[in-house]
Protein backbone atom coordinates (compact mmCIF):
# COMPACT_ATOMS: atom_id res chain seq x y z
CA UNK A 1 14.59 -12.42 -22.53
CA UNK A 2 12.23 -14.98 -24.07
CA UNK A 3 8.60 -12.59 -23.42
CA UNK A 4 10.70 -9.86 -26.06
CA UNK A 5 11.13 -12.83 -28.34
CA UNK A 6 7.39 -13.81 -28.14
CA UNK A 7 5.88 -10.39 -28.37
CA UNK A 8 7.73 -10.04 -31.61
CA UNK A 9 7.04 -13.16 -33.34
CA UNK A 10 3.55 -12.40 -32.49
CA UNK A 11 4.14 -8.46 -33.66
CA UNK A 12 5.17 -9.65 -36.79
CA UNK A 13 2.33 -12.19 -37.08
CA UNK A 14 -0.20 -10.48 -36.79
CA UNK A 15 1.28 -7.85 -38.89
CA UNK A 16 1.82 -10.03 -41.81
CA UNK A 17 -1.79 -11.60 -41.64
CA UNK A 18 -0.91 -15.31 -40.24
CA UNK A 19 -3.59 -14.95 -37.99
CA UNK A 20 -7.01 -13.83 -39.99
CA UNK A 21 -8.71 -10.86 -38.58
CA UNK A 22 -11.05 -12.24 -35.71
CA UNK A 23 -8.76 -15.24 -34.63
CA UNK A 24 -8.17 -16.11 -31.27
CA UNK A 25 -5.21 -16.19 -29.83
CA UNK A 26 -4.33 -19.18 -27.62
CA UNK A 27 -1.85 -19.80 -25.26
CA UNK A 28 -1.59 -23.34 -25.13
CA UNK A 29 -0.92 -23.25 -29.13
CA UNK A 30 1.59 -20.27 -28.76
CA UNK A 31 3.56 -21.96 -26.32
CA UNK A 32 3.48 -24.80 -27.95
CA UNK A 33 4.84 -23.14 -31.15
CA UNK A 34 7.55 -21.10 -29.54
CA UNK A 35 8.84 -23.63 -26.79
CA UNK A 36 8.02 -21.58 -24.19
CA UNK A 37 6.14 -21.48 -21.11
CA UNK A 38 2.44 -20.22 -20.96
CA UNK A 39 3.92 -16.87 -18.66
CA UNK A 40 6.02 -15.91 -21.24
CA UNK A 41 3.01 -16.21 -23.93
CA UNK A 42 1.01 -14.69 -21.39
CA UNK A 43 3.21 -11.41 -20.71
CA UNK A 44 4.16 -11.26 -24.73
CA UNK A 45 -0.33 -10.80 -25.07
CA UNK A 46 -0.42 -8.13 -21.90
CA UNK A 47 1.67 -6.24 -24.66
CA UNK A 48 -0.09 -7.35 -27.93
CA UNK A 49 -3.16 -5.79 -26.35
CA UNK A 50 -1.63 -2.99 -25.00
CA UNK A 51 -0.56 -1.13 -27.84
CA UNK A 52 -3.81 -2.16 -30.16
CA UNK A 53 -2.95 -5.20 -32.07
CA UNK A 54 -5.58 -8.05 -29.90
CA UNK A 55 -8.35 -7.27 -27.78
CA UNK A 56 -9.06 -8.54 -25.12
CA UNK A 57 -12.75 -10.64 -24.63
CA UNK A 58 -15.26 -11.05 -22.39
CA UNK A 59 -15.01 -14.95 -21.40
CA UNK A 60 -13.56 -15.80 -24.65
CA UNK A 61 -9.50 -14.85 -24.17
CA UNK A 62 -7.73 -12.55 -26.74
CA UNK A 63 -8.29 -12.61 -30.31
CA UNK A 64 -6.99 -10.30 -33.35
CA UNK A 65 -9.07 -7.28 -34.11
CA UNK A 66 -11.76 -8.16 -36.13
CA UNK A 67 -11.56 -5.84 -39.57
CA UNK A 68 -14.36 -3.48 -39.24
CA UNK A 69 -14.64 -0.02 -41.58
CA UNK A 70 -16.33 1.91 -38.18
CA UNK A 71 -12.95 0.85 -35.70
CA UNK A 72 -10.71 2.16 -38.85
CA UNK A 73 -12.22 5.58 -38.76
CA UNK A 74 -12.37 6.10 -35.13
CA UNK A 75 -8.86 5.25 -34.96
CA UNK A 76 -8.62 8.16 -37.60
CA UNK A 77 -10.98 10.26 -36.33
CA UNK A 78 -8.79 9.73 -32.56
CA UNK A 79 -5.72 10.81 -35.31
CA UNK A 80 -6.90 13.33 -36.53
CA UNK A 81 -8.20 14.93 -33.29
CA UNK A 82 -4.89 14.36 -31.30
CA UNK A 83 -2.76 14.82 -33.96
CA UNK A 84 -2.68 18.06 -35.22
CA UNK A 85 -2.94 19.54 -31.67
CA UNK A 86 1.26 17.53 -30.27
CA UNK A 87 2.03 18.51 -34.02
CA UNK A 88 1.42 22.24 -33.30
CA UNK A 89 3.16 21.79 -29.50
CA UNK A 90 6.11 20.21 -31.48
CA UNK A 91 6.45 23.45 -33.95
CA UNK A 92 6.55 25.35 -31.21
CA UNK A 93 8.63 23.48 -28.78
CA UNK A 94 11.34 21.96 -30.99
CA UNK A 95 15.00 23.61 -31.35
CA UNK A 96 16.98 23.14 -33.69
CA UNK A 97 18.31 19.43 -32.87
CA UNK A 98 14.73 18.25 -33.60
CA UNK A 99 14.89 20.12 -37.30
CA UNK A 100 17.83 18.27 -38.18
CA UNK A 101 15.69 14.56 -37.34
CA UNK A 102 12.77 15.51 -38.75
CA UNK A 103 15.22 16.95 -41.80
CA UNK A 104 17.12 13.09 -41.34
CA UNK A 105 14.04 11.40 -40.78
CA UNK A 106 12.17 12.46 -44.12
CA UNK A 107 15.54 11.72 -46.06
CA UNK A 108 15.76 8.82 -44.95
CA UNK A 109 11.83 8.54 -46.09
CA UNK A 110 11.63 9.75 -49.53
CA UNK A 111 15.53 7.31 -50.25
CA UNK A 112 13.49 4.13 -48.82
CA UNK A 113 11.57 2.29 -51.42
CA UNK A 114 8.21 1.31 -50.69
CA UNK A 115 7.74 -1.50 -52.48
CA UNK A 116 9.76 -5.04 -53.60
CA UNK A 117 8.50 -7.88 -55.05
CA UNK A 118 9.52 -10.24 -52.48
CA UNK A 119 7.16 -8.46 -49.70
CA UNK A 120 3.93 -8.56 -52.36
CA UNK A 121 1.78 -5.81 -52.68
CA UNK A 122 2.28 -4.49 -48.64
CA UNK A 123 4.62 -1.65 -48.19
CA UNK A 124 8.40 -3.03 -47.14
CA UNK A 125 9.17 -2.95 -43.63
CA UNK A 126 12.50 -1.06 -44.19
CA UNK A 127 9.96 1.83 -45.98
CA UNK A 128 7.30 1.29 -43.00
CA UNK A 129 9.84 1.81 -39.62
CA UNK A 130 11.32 4.93 -42.40
CA UNK A 131 7.65 6.50 -42.47
CA UNK A 132 6.80 5.84 -38.81
CA UNK A 133 9.56 7.50 -37.68
CA UNK A 134 8.86 10.19 -39.77
CA UNK A 135 5.50 11.19 -38.35
CA UNK A 136 6.94 10.57 -35.12
CA UNK A 137 9.76 12.83 -34.86
CA UNK A 138 7.53 15.57 -36.20
CA UNK A 139 5.55 15.51 -32.92
CA UNK A 140 8.03 13.82 -30.41
CA UNK A 141 9.14 17.73 -29.32
CA UNK A 142 6.08 18.37 -27.91
CA UNK A 143 7.89 16.91 -24.68
CA UNK A 144 4.05 14.93 -23.73
CA UNK A 145 5.30 11.29 -22.60
CA UNK A 146 1.30 10.40 -22.19
CA UNK A 147 0.32 11.98 -25.53
CA UNK A 148 2.98 10.59 -27.18
CA UNK A 149 2.18 6.82 -26.28
CA UNK A 150 -1.85 7.78 -27.38
CA UNK A 151 -0.04 8.92 -30.58
CA UNK A 152 2.16 5.19 -30.39
CA UNK A 153 -0.83 3.37 -29.74
CA UNK A 154 -3.03 4.78 -32.26
CA UNK A 155 -0.41 4.62 -35.01
CA UNK A 156 0.02 0.82 -34.37
CA UNK A 157 -3.62 0.14 -34.87
CA UNK A 158 -3.57 2.30 -38.26
CA UNK A 159 -0.45 0.07 -39.45
CA UNK A 160 -2.70 -2.88 -38.95
CA UNK A 161 -5.46 -1.74 -40.52
CA UNK A 162 -2.58 -0.97 -43.58
CA UNK A 163 -1.23 -3.56 -43.72
CA UNK A 164 -4.77 -5.29 -44.28
CA UNK A 165 -5.54 -3.11 -47.01
CA UNK A 166 -5.11 -3.72 -50.68
CA UNK A 167 -6.68 -0.76 -51.66
CA UNK A 168 -4.37 2.03 -53.51
CA UNK A 169 -5.22 5.78 -54.17
CA UNK A 170 -3.75 5.92 -57.98
CA UNK A 171 -4.11 9.78 -57.98
CA UNK A 172 -2.37 10.53 -54.94
CA UNK A 173 0.92 11.46 -54.03
CA UNK A 174 1.66 10.97 -50.47
CA UNK A 175 5.72 11.82 -51.18
CA UNK A 176 4.96 15.36 -51.93
CA UNK A 177 2.39 15.69 -49.00
CA UNK A 178 5.64 14.80 -46.98
CA UNK A 179 7.61 16.91 -48.26
CA UNK A 180 4.59 19.91 -47.06
CA UNK A 181 4.63 18.87 -44.10
CA UNK A 182 8.36 19.17 -43.40
CA UNK A 183 8.01 22.34 -45.35
CA UNK A 184 5.87 23.42 -42.87
CA UNK A 185 7.18 22.29 -39.40
CA UNK A 186 10.88 23.51 -39.92
CA UNK A 187 9.16 27.04 -41.37
CA UNK A 188 7.45 27.34 -37.83
CA UNK A 189 4.19 27.28 -39.72
CA UNK A 190 1.44 25.77 -37.52
CA UNK A 191 -0.97 26.68 -39.05
CA UNK A 192 -0.31 25.07 -42.31
CA UNK A 193 1.35 22.03 -40.56
CA UNK A 194 -1.44 21.00 -38.89
CA UNK A 195 -3.88 21.31 -42.11
CA UNK A 196 -1.38 19.31 -44.04
CA UNK A 197 -1.56 16.48 -41.02
CA UNK A 198 -5.64 16.92 -41.26
CA UNK A 199 -5.79 16.26 -44.89
CA UNK A 200 -2.55 13.77 -44.90
CA UNK A 201 -4.56 11.87 -42.66
CA UNK A 202 -8.53 11.91 -43.92
CA UNK A 203 -6.84 10.70 -47.12
CA UNK A 204 -5.09 7.49 -45.45
CA UNK A 205 -8.92 6.91 -43.63
CA UNK A 206 -10.21 7.31 -46.73
CA UNK A 207 -7.97 4.85 -48.75
CA UNK A 208 -8.62 1.51 -46.75
CA UNK A 209 -12.51 2.16 -47.62
CA UNK A 210 -13.85 0.81 -50.73
CA UNK A 211 -16.12 3.43 -52.85
CA UNK A 212 -19.31 2.17 -51.33
CA UNK A 213 -17.44 2.96 -48.00
CA UNK A 214 -16.66 0.36 -46.75
CA UNK A 215 -13.11 -1.73 -45.10
CA UNK A 216 -10.98 -3.53 -48.02
CA UNK A 217 -9.41 -6.23 -46.95
CA UNK A 218 -6.42 -7.71 -49.04
CA UNK A 219 -6.37 -11.97 -49.74
CA UNK A 220 -4.16 -14.30 -49.60
CA UNK A 221 -4.55 -15.48 -53.33
CA UNK A 222 -5.95 -14.21 -56.25
CA UNK A 223 -6.09 -10.40 -57.73
CA UNK A 224 -6.39 -7.08 -55.50
CA UNK A 225 -6.01 -3.64 -55.82
CA UNK A 226 -3.13 -2.83 -53.87
CA UNK A 227 -2.94 -0.04 -51.03
CA UNK A 228 -2.39 2.68 -54.10
CA UNK A 229 -4.90 1.61 -56.99
CA UNK A 230 -1.90 -0.80 -58.28
CA UNK A 231 -3.28 -3.83 -59.69
CA UNK A 232 -1.73 -6.76 -57.68
CA UNK A 233 -1.54 -10.61 -58.44
CA UNK A 234 -1.12 -11.32 -54.38
CA UNK A 235 -0.08 -15.33 -55.05
CA UNK A 236 3.08 -13.97 -57.23
CA UNK A 237 3.62 -11.06 -55.29
CA UNK A 238 4.13 -8.43 -57.96
CA UNK A 239 2.73 -4.88 -58.20
CA UNK A 240 1.74 -3.64 -61.67
CA UNK A 241 2.28 -0.04 -62.27
CA UNK A 242 5.33 1.73 -61.78
CA UNK A 243 4.31 5.07 -60.87
CA UNK A 244 2.33 3.67 -58.02
CA UNK A 245 4.85 2.68 -56.00
CA UNK A 246 6.06 6.39 -55.90
CA UNK A 247 3.47 6.99 -53.99
CA UNK A 248 2.99 6.30 -50.37
CA UNK A 249 0.19 7.17 -47.80
CA UNK A 250 0.10 8.33 -44.38
């Protein structure tokens, strides 16, 4: 469907930063760019707004979310409130097939490179998807579609914040955090799994702010700090610091 294609294009463009934070998403311009009708564009925009990748503003149409530390911290707080409870439900209700899916999702995450020179300072698309799949698989055995839909929306908003961030924590070992999550879930240790997840999400939220507590936004040119503390040259797309490449957050 055309609306699906336009939606996918918008999703990628917003995640890449082609539309700046707070920038309007004008249906007329998007329709002309994609060679489709206004009705198709409006249908795609409804989906983008529904997933938290854009805001519908009174008398101003649709715009990319503004870059706001308060916004991302609220999202992080919501995830810390909802996800541990859902993880407990998933551990309680998950069967052997769920255990196998968790193991497979973690294996794929471990085996997927987090960074590639051609993708600049951001995580690779393949790693981002493996990361999402691992966390989603941990929770999916809860059996509650409404909760999972809420978590999917929060995840998308968090992913946008992560893509916009250019800050890394060089002392963080996200791979170990993911290993502990898998280990506790498969051991059916709900208390430990929930505690690990809360810390995991807390560190992720902290990684999206600088030392002053303000949100950190990556630039389109010049050098910056990557999402895990490595120095980045945004113009060349190179990430300096091999050790940091093996650390990934949540």
